[in-house]
Amino acid sequence: KIGMDASSNDSCQVHTHITTQSQFISQGVD
């Protein structure tokens, strides 16, 4: 009723799309 119920698995879905850092970036910052 406020704008989101993040505590509820039923009324709030979380989608995760996280990969590893690109090797072409990491080779320049290590």
ModelCIF file with pLDDT and N, C-alpha, C, O atoms, coordinates in Angstrom:
data_MODEL
#
_entry.id   MODEL 
#
_entity.id                         1 
_entity.type                       polymer 
_entity.pdbx_number_of_molecules   1 
#
_entity_poly.entity_id                      1 
_entity_poly.type                           'polypeptide(L)' 
_entity_poly.nstd_linkage                   no 
_entity_poly.nstd_monomer                   no 
_entity_poly.pdbx_seq_one_letter_code       KIGMDASSNDSCQVHTHITTQSQFISQGVD 
_entity_poly.pdbx_seq_one_letter_code_can   KIGMDASSNDSCQVHTHITTQSQFISQGVD 
_entity_poly.pdbx_strand_id                 A 
#
loop_
_entity_poly_seq.entity_id 
_entity_poly_seq.num 
_entity_poly_seq.mon_id 
_entity_poly_seq.hetero 
1 1  LYS n 
1 2  ILE n 
1 3  GLY n 
1 4  MET n 
1 5  ASP n 
1 6  ALA n 
1 7  SER n 
1 8  SER n 
1 9  ASN n 
1 10 ASP n 
1 11 SER n 
1 12 CYS n 
1 13 GLN n 
1 14 VAL n 
1 15 HIS n 
1 16 THR n 
1 17 HIS n 
1 18 ILE n 
1 19 THR n 
1 20 THR n 
1 21 GLN n 
1 22 SER n 
1 23 GLN n 
1 24 PHE n 
1 25 ILE n 
1 26 SER n 
1 27 GLN n 
1 28 GLY n 
1 29 VAL n 
1 30 ASP n 
#
_struct_asym.id          A 
_struct_asym.entity_id   1 
#
loop_
_ma_qa_metric.id 
_ma_qa_metric.mode 
_ma_qa_metric.name 
_ma_qa_metric.software_group_id 
_ma_qa_metric.type 
1 global pLDDT . pLDDT 
2 local  pLDDT . pLDDT 
#
_ma_qa_metric_global.metric_id      1 
_ma_qa_metric_global.metric_value   84.57 
_ma_qa_metric_global.model_id       1 
_ma_qa_metric_global.ordinal_id     1 
#
loop_
_ma_qa_metric_local.label_asym_id 
_ma_qa_metric_local.label_comp_id 
_ma_qa_metric_local.label_seq_id 
_ma_qa_metric_local.metric_id 
_ma_qa_metric_local.metric_value 
_ma_qa_metric_local.model_id 
_ma_qa_metric_local.ordinal_id 
A LYS 1  2 92.00 1 1  
A ILE 2  2 94.00 1 2  
A GLY 3  2 94.00 1 3  
A MET 4  2 96.00 1 4  
A ASP 5  2 97.00 1 5  
A ALA 6  2 97.00 1 6  
A SER 7  2 97.00 1 7  
A SER 8  2 96.00 1 8  
A ASN 9  2 96.00 1 9  
A ASP 10 2 95.00 1 10 
A SER 11 2 96.00 1 11 
A CYS 12 2 97.00 1 12 
A GLN 13 2 97.00 1 13 
A VAL 14 2 98.00 1 14 
A HIS 15 2 98.00 1 15 
A THR 16 2 98.00 1 16 
A HIS 17 2 98.00 1 17 
A ILE 18 2 97.00 1 18 
A THR 19 2 95.00 1 19 
A THR 20 2 90.00 1 20 
A GLN 21 2 74.00 1 21 
A SER 22 2 66.00 1 22 
A GLN 23 2 63.00 1 23 
A PHE 24 2 56.00 1 24 
A ILE 25 2 58.00 1 25 
A SER 26 2 57.00 1 26 
A GLN 27 2 56.00 1 27 
A GLY 28 2 57.00 1 28 
A VAL 29 2 65.00 1 29 
A ASP 30 2 67.00 1 30 
#
loop_
_atom_site.group_PDB 
_atom_site.id 
_atom_site.type_symbol 
_atom_site.label_atom_id 
_atom_site.label_alt_id 
_atom_site.label_comp_id 
_atom_site.label_asym_id 
_atom_site.label_entity_id 
_atom_site.label_seq_id 
_atom_site.pdbx_PDB_ins_code 
_atom_site.Cartn_x 
_atom_site.Cartn_y 
_atom_site.Cartn_z 
_atom_site.occupancy 
_atom_site.B_iso_or_equiv 
_atom_site.pdbx_formal_charge 
_atom_site.auth_seq_id 
_atom_site.auth_comp_id 
_atom_site.auth_asym_id 
_atom_site.auth_atom_id 
_atom_site.pdbx_PDB_model_num 
ATOM 1   N N  . LYS A 1 1  ? 0.814  -1.202  0.000   1.00 92.00 ? 1  LYS A N  1 
ATOM 2   C CA . LYS A 1 1  ? 0.000  0.000   0.000   1.00 92.00 ? 1  LYS A CA 1 
ATOM 3   C C  . LYS A 1 1  ? 0.857  1.265   0.000   1.00 92.00 ? 1  LYS A C  1 
ATOM 4   O O  . LYS A 1 1  ? 0.411  2.323   -0.444  1.00 92.00 ? 1  LYS A O  1 
ATOM 5   N N  . ILE A 1 2  ? 2.089  1.150   0.500   1.00 94.00 ? 2  ILE A N  1 
ATOM 6   C CA . ILE A 1 2  ? 3.022  2.273   0.511   1.00 94.00 ? 2  ILE A CA 1 
ATOM 7   C C  . ILE A 1 2  ? 3.741  2.405   -0.814  1.00 94.00 ? 2  ILE A C  1 
ATOM 8   O O  . ILE A 1 2  ? 4.038  3.523   -1.234  1.00 94.00 ? 2  ILE A O  1 
ATOM 9   N N  . GLY A 1 3  ? 4.029  1.311   -1.485  1.00 94.00 ? 3  GLY A N  1 
ATOM 10  C CA . GLY A 1 3  ? 4.750  1.330   -2.746  1.00 94.00 ? 3  GLY A CA 1 
ATOM 11  C C  . GLY A 1 3  ? 5.488  0.053   -3.063  1.00 94.00 ? 3  GLY A C  1 
ATOM 12  O O  . GLY A 1 3  ? 5.820  -0.194  -4.223  1.00 94.00 ? 3  GLY A O  1 
ATOM 13  N N  . MET A 1 4  ? 5.761  -0.787  -2.033  1.00 96.00 ? 4  MET A N  1 
ATOM 14  C CA . MET A 1 4  ? 6.451  -2.052  -2.227  1.00 96.00 ? 4  MET A CA 1 
ATOM 15  C C  . MET A 1 4  ? 6.517  -2.787  -0.900  1.00 96.00 ? 4  MET A C  1 
ATOM 16  O O  . MET A 1 4  ? 6.711  -2.176  0.150   1.00 96.00 ? 4  MET A O  1 
ATOM 17  N N  . ASP A 1 5  ? 6.355  -4.101  -0.955  1.00 97.00 ? 5  ASP A N  1 
ATOM 18  C CA . ASP A 1 5  ? 6.585  -4.941  0.217   1.00 97.00 ? 5  ASP A CA 1 
ATOM 19  C C  . ASP A 1 5  ? 7.747  -5.862  -0.110  1.00 97.00 ? 5  ASP A C  1 
ATOM 20  O O  . ASP A 1 5  ? 7.552  -6.973  -0.603  1.00 97.00 ? 5  ASP A O  1 
ATOM 21  N N  . ALA A 1 6  ? 8.964  -5.392  0.168   1.00 97.00 ? 6  ALA A N  1 
ATOM 22  C CA . ALA A 1 6  ? 10.161 -6.153  -0.164  1.00 97.00 ? 6  ALA A CA 1 
ATOM 23  C C  . ALA A 1 6  ? 10.332 -7.377  0.712   1.00 97.00 ? 6  ALA A C  1 
ATOM 24  O O  . ALA A 1 6  ? 11.100 -8.277  0.370   1.00 97.00 ? 6  ALA A O  1 
ATOM 25  N N  . SER A 1 7  ? 9.626  -7.428  1.845   1.00 97.00 ? 7  SER A N  1 
ATOM 26  C CA . SER A 1 7  ? 9.760  -8.562  2.762   1.00 97.00 ? 7  SER A CA 1 
ATOM 27  C C  . SER A 1 7  ? 8.976  -9.784  2.306   1.00 97.00 ? 7  SER A C  1 
ATOM 28  O O  . SER A 1 7  ? 9.161  -10.873 2.849   1.00 97.00 ? 7  SER A O  1 
ATOM 29  N N  . SER A 1 8  ? 8.106  -9.619  1.320   1.00 96.00 ? 8  SER A N  1 
ATOM 30  C CA . SER A 1 8  ? 7.219  -10.699 0.893   1.00 96.00 ? 8  SER A CA 1 
ATOM 31  C C  . SER A 1 8  ? 7.710  -11.345 -0.405  1.00 96.00 ? 8  SER A C  1 
ATOM 32  O O  . SER A 1 8  ? 7.870  -10.666 -1.419  1.00 96.00 ? 8  SER A O  1 
ATOM 33  N N  . ASN A 1 9  ? 7.945  -12.647 -0.368  1.00 96.00 ? 9  ASN A N  1 
ATOM 34  C CA . ASN A 1 9  ? 8.314  -13.377 -1.577  1.00 96.00 ? 9  ASN A CA 1 
ATOM 35  C C  . ASN A 1 9  ? 7.163  -13.428 -2.570  1.00 96.00 ? 9  ASN A C  1 
ATOM 36  O O  . ASN A 1 9  ? 7.379  -13.523 -3.779  1.00 96.00 ? 9  ASN A O  1 
ATOM 37  N N  . ASP A 1 10 ? 5.943  -13.365 -2.057  1.00 95.00 ? 10 ASP A N  1 
ATOM 38  C CA . ASP A 1 10 ? 4.769  -13.452 -2.924  1.00 95.00 ? 10 ASP A CA 1 
ATOM 39  C C  . ASP A 1 10 ? 4.500  -12.155 -3.683  1.00 95.00 ? 10 ASP A C  1 
ATOM 40  O O  . ASP A 1 10 ? 4.165  -12.192 -4.867  1.00 95.00 ? 10 ASP A O  1 
ATOM 41  N N  . SER A 1 11 ? 4.643  -11.013 -3.018  1.00 96.00 ? 11 SER A N  1 
ATOM 42  C CA . SER A 1 11 ? 4.292  -9.747  -3.652  1.00 96.00 ? 11 SER A CA 1 
ATOM 43  C C  . SER A 1 11 ? 5.487  -8.990  -4.214  1.00 96.00 ? 11 SER A C  1 
ATOM 44  O O  . SER A 1 11 ? 5.304  -7.960  -4.863  1.00 96.00 ? 11 SER A O  1 
ATOM 45  N N  . CYS A 1 12 ? 6.701  -9.471  -3.984  1.00 97.00 ? 12 CYS A N  1 
ATOM 46  C CA . CYS A 1 12 ? 7.901  -8.809  -4.510  1.00 97.00 ? 12 CYS A CA 1 
ATOM 47  C C  . CYS A 1 12 ? 8.846  -9.863  -5.071  1.00 97.00 ? 12 CYS A C  1 
ATOM 48  O O  . CYS A 1 12 ? 9.311  -10.739 -4.341  1.00 97.00 ? 12 CYS A O  1 
ATOM 49  N N  . GLN A 1 13 ? 9.126  -9.780  -6.357  1.00 97.00 ? 13 GLN A N  1 
ATOM 50  C CA . GLN A 1 13 ? 10.034 -10.697 -7.017  1.00 97.00 ? 13 GLN A CA 1 
ATOM 51  C C  . GLN A 1 13 ? 11.411 -10.056 -7.170  1.00 97.00 ? 13 GLN A C  1 
ATOM 52  O O  . GLN A 1 13 ? 11.511 -8.869  -7.481  1.00 97.00 ? 13 GLN A O  1 
ATOM 53  N N  . VAL A 1 14 ? 12.463 -10.826 -6.955  1.00 98.00 ? 14 VAL A N  1 
ATOM 54  C CA . VAL A 1 14 ? 13.830 -10.357 -7.146  1.00 98.00 ? 14 VAL A CA 1 
ATOM 55  C C  . VAL A 1 14 ? 14.473 -11.171 -8.257  1.00 98.00 ? 14 VAL A C  1 
ATOM 56  O O  . VAL A 1 14 ? 14.548 -12.396 -8.165  1.00 98.00 ? 14 VAL A O  1 
ATOM 57  N N  . HIS A 1 15 ? 14.936 -10.506 -9.303  1.00 98.00 ? 15 HIS A N  1 
ATOM 58  C CA . HIS A 1 15 ? 15.607 -11.154 -10.423 1.00 98.00 ? 15 HIS A CA 1 
ATOM 59  C C  . HIS A 1 15 ? 17.080 -10.751 -10.416 1.00 98.00 ? 15 HIS A C  1 
ATOM 60  O O  . HIS A 1 15 ? 17.405 -9.564  -10.424 1.00 98.00 ? 15 HIS A O  1 
ATOM 61  N N  . THR A 1 16 ? 17.963 -11.741 -10.401 1.00 98.00 ? 16 THR A N  1 
ATOM 62  C CA . THR A 1 16 ? 19.396 -11.489 -10.304 1.00 98.00 ? 16 THR A CA 1 
ATOM 63  C C  . THR A 1 16 ? 20.096 -11.891 -11.592 1.00 98.00 ? 16 THR A C  1 
ATOM 64  O O  . THR A 1 16 ? 19.967 -13.026 -12.050 1.00 98.00 ? 16 THR A O  1 
ATOM 65  N N  . HIS A 1 17 ? 20.837 -10.957 -12.172 1.00 98.00 ? 17 HIS A N  1 
ATOM 66  C CA . HIS A 1 17 ? 21.599 -11.192 -13.390 1.00 98.00 ? 17 HIS A CA 1 
ATOM 67  C C  . HIS A 1 17 ? 22.997 -10.602 -13.190 1.00 98.00 ? 17 HIS A C  1 
ATOM 68  O O  . HIS A 1 17 ? 23.305 -9.524  -13.697 1.00 98.00 ? 17 HIS A O  1 
ATOM 69  N N  . ILE A 1 18 ? 23.827 -11.317 -12.454 1.00 97.00 ? 18 ILE A N  1 
ATOM 70  C CA . ILE A 1 18 ? 25.164 -10.852 -12.105 1.00 97.00 ? 18 ILE A CA 1 
ATOM 71  C C  . ILE A 1 18 ? 26.195 -11.853 -12.599 1.00 97.00 ? 18 ILE A C  1 
ATOM 72  O O  . ILE A 1 18 ? 26.129 -13.033 -12.255 1.00 97.00 ? 18 ILE A O  1 
ATOM 73  N N  . THR A 1 19 ? 27.140 -11.397 -13.397 1.00 95.00 ? 19 THR A N  1 
ATOM 74  C CA . THR A 1 19 ? 28.218 -12.220 -13.919 1.00 95.00 ? 19 THR A CA 1 
ATOM 75  C C  . THR A 1 19 ? 29.546 -11.744 -13.335 1.00 95.00 ? 19 THR A C  1 
ATOM 76  O O  . THR A 1 19 ? 29.561 -10.865 -12.473 1.00 95.00 ? 19 THR A O  1 
ATOM 77  N N  . THR A 1 20 ? 30.673 -12.321 -13.800 1.00 90.00 ? 20 THR A N  1 
ATOM 78  C CA . THR A 1 20 ? 31.990 -11.887 -13.359 1.00 90.00 ? 20 THR A CA 1 
ATOM 79  C C  . THR A 1 20 ? 32.493 -10.746 -14.234 1.00 90.00 ? 20 THR A C  1 
ATOM 80  O O  . THR A 1 20 ? 32.019 -10.548 -15.353 1.00 90.00 ? 20 THR A O  1 
ATOM 81  N N  . GLN A 1 21 ? 33.465 -9.994  -13.704 1.00 74.00 ? 21 GLN A N  1 
ATOM 82  C CA . GLN A 1 21 ? 34.032 -8.880  -14.443 1.00 74.00 ? 21 GLN A CA 1 
ATOM 83  C C  . GLN A 1 21 ? 34.756 -9.377  -15.694 1.00 74.00 ? 21 GLN A C  1 
ATOM 84  O O  . GLN A 1 21 ? 35.427 -10.408 -15.665 1.00 74.00 ? 21 GLN A O  1 
ATOM 85  N N  . SER A 1 22 ? 34.613 -8.641  -16.783 1.00 66.00 ? 22 SER A N  1 
ATOM 86  C CA . SER A 1 22 ? 35.287 -8.972  -18.031 1.00 66.00 ? 22 SER A CA 1 
ATOM 87  C C  . SER A 1 22 ? 36.801 -9.028  -17.836 1.00 66.00 ? 22 SER A C  1 
ATOM 88  O O  . SER A 1 22 ? 37.374 -8.162  -17.175 1.00 66.00 ? 22 SER A O  1 
ATOM 89  N N  . GLN A 1 23 ? 37.456 -10.053 -18.415 1.00 63.00 ? 23 GLN A N  1 
ATOM 90  C CA . GLN A 1 23 ? 38.906 -10.175 -18.301 1.00 63.00 ? 23 GLN A CA 1 
ATOM 91  C C  . GLN A 1 23 ? 39.625 -9.016  -18.974 1.00 63.00 ? 23 GLN A C  1 
ATOM 92  O O  . GLN A 1 23 ? 40.752 -8.681  -18.606 1.00 63.00 ? 23 GLN A O  1 
ATOM 93  N N  . PHE A 1 24 ? 38.984 -8.409  -19.948 1.00 56.00 ? 24 PHE A N  1 
ATOM 94  C CA . PHE A 1 24 ? 39.606 -7.299  -20.661 1.00 56.00 ? 24 PHE A CA 1 
ATOM 95  C C  . PHE A 1 24 ? 39.614 -6.024  -19.816 1.00 56.00 ? 24 PHE A C  1 
ATOM 96  O O  . PHE A 1 24 ? 40.423 -5.126  -20.050 1.00 56.00 ? 24 PHE A O  1 
ATOM 97  N N  . ILE A 1 25 ? 38.718 -5.946  -18.840 1.00 58.00 ? 25 ILE A N  1 
ATOM 98  C CA . ILE A 1 25 ? 38.753 -4.855  -17.876 1.00 58.00 ? 25 ILE A CA 1 
ATOM 99  C C  . ILE A 1 25 ? 39.706 -5.187  -16.736 1.00 58.00 ? 25 ILE A C  1 
ATOM 100 O O  . ILE A 1 25 ? 40.538 -4.363  -16.356 1.00 58.00 ? 25 ILE A O  1 
ATOM 101 N N  . SER A 1 26 ? 39.585 -6.394  -16.193 1.00 57.00 ? 26 SER A N  1 
ATOM 102 C CA . SER A 1 26 ? 40.380 -6.770  -15.024 1.00 57.00 ? 26 SER A CA 1 
ATOM 103 C C  . SER A 1 26 ? 41.869 -6.732  -15.308 1.00 57.00 ? 26 SER A C  1 
ATOM 104 O O  . SER A 1 26 ? 42.646 -6.397  -14.414 1.00 57.00 ? 26 SER A O  1 
ATOM 105 N N  . GLN A 1 27 ? 42.299 -7.064  -16.525 1.00 56.00 ? 27 GLN A N  1 
ATOM 106 C CA . GLN A 1 27 ? 43.730 -7.062  -16.817 1.00 56.00 ? 27 GLN A CA 1 
ATOM 107 C C  . GLN A 1 27 ? 44.325 -5.658  -16.773 1.00 56.00 ? 27 GLN A C  1 
ATOM 108 O O  . GLN A 1 27 ? 45.539 -5.498  -16.642 1.00 56.00 ? 27 GLN A O  1 
ATOM 109 N N  . GLY A 1 28 ? 43.465 -4.635  -16.885 1.00 57.00 ? 28 GLY A N  1 
ATOM 110 C CA . GLY A 1 28 ? 43.950 -3.263  -16.828 1.00 57.00 ? 28 GLY A CA 1 
ATOM 111 C C  . GLY A 1 28 ? 43.932 -2.645  -15.454 1.00 57.00 ? 28 GLY A C  1 
ATOM 112 O O  . GLY A 1 28 ? 44.577 -1.620  -15.228 1.00 57.00 ? 28 GLY A O  1 
ATOM 113 N N  . VAL A 1 29 ? 43.191 -3.259  -14.509 1.00 65.00 ? 29 VAL A N  1 
ATOM 114 C CA . VAL A 1 29 ? 43.058 -2.652  -13.184 1.00 65.00 ? 29 VAL A CA 1 
ATOM 115 C C  . VAL A 1 29 ? 43.720 -3.468  -12.088 1.00 65.00 ? 29 VAL A C  1 
ATOM 116 O O  . VAL A 1 29 ? 43.693 -3.073  -10.923 1.00 65.00 ? 29 VAL A O  1 
ATOM 117 N N  . ASP A 1 30 ? 44.317 -4.607  -12.446 1.00 67.00 ? 30 ASP A N  1 
ATOM 118 C CA . ASP A 1 30 ? 45.075 -5.379  -11.472 1.00 67.00 ? 30 ASP A CA 1 
ATOM 119 C C  . ASP A 1 30 ? 46.517 -4.890  -11.462 1.00 67.00 ? 30 ASP A C  1 
ATOM 120 O O  . ASP A 1 30 ? 47.340 -5.408  -10.707 1.00 67.00 ? 30 ASP A O  1 
#
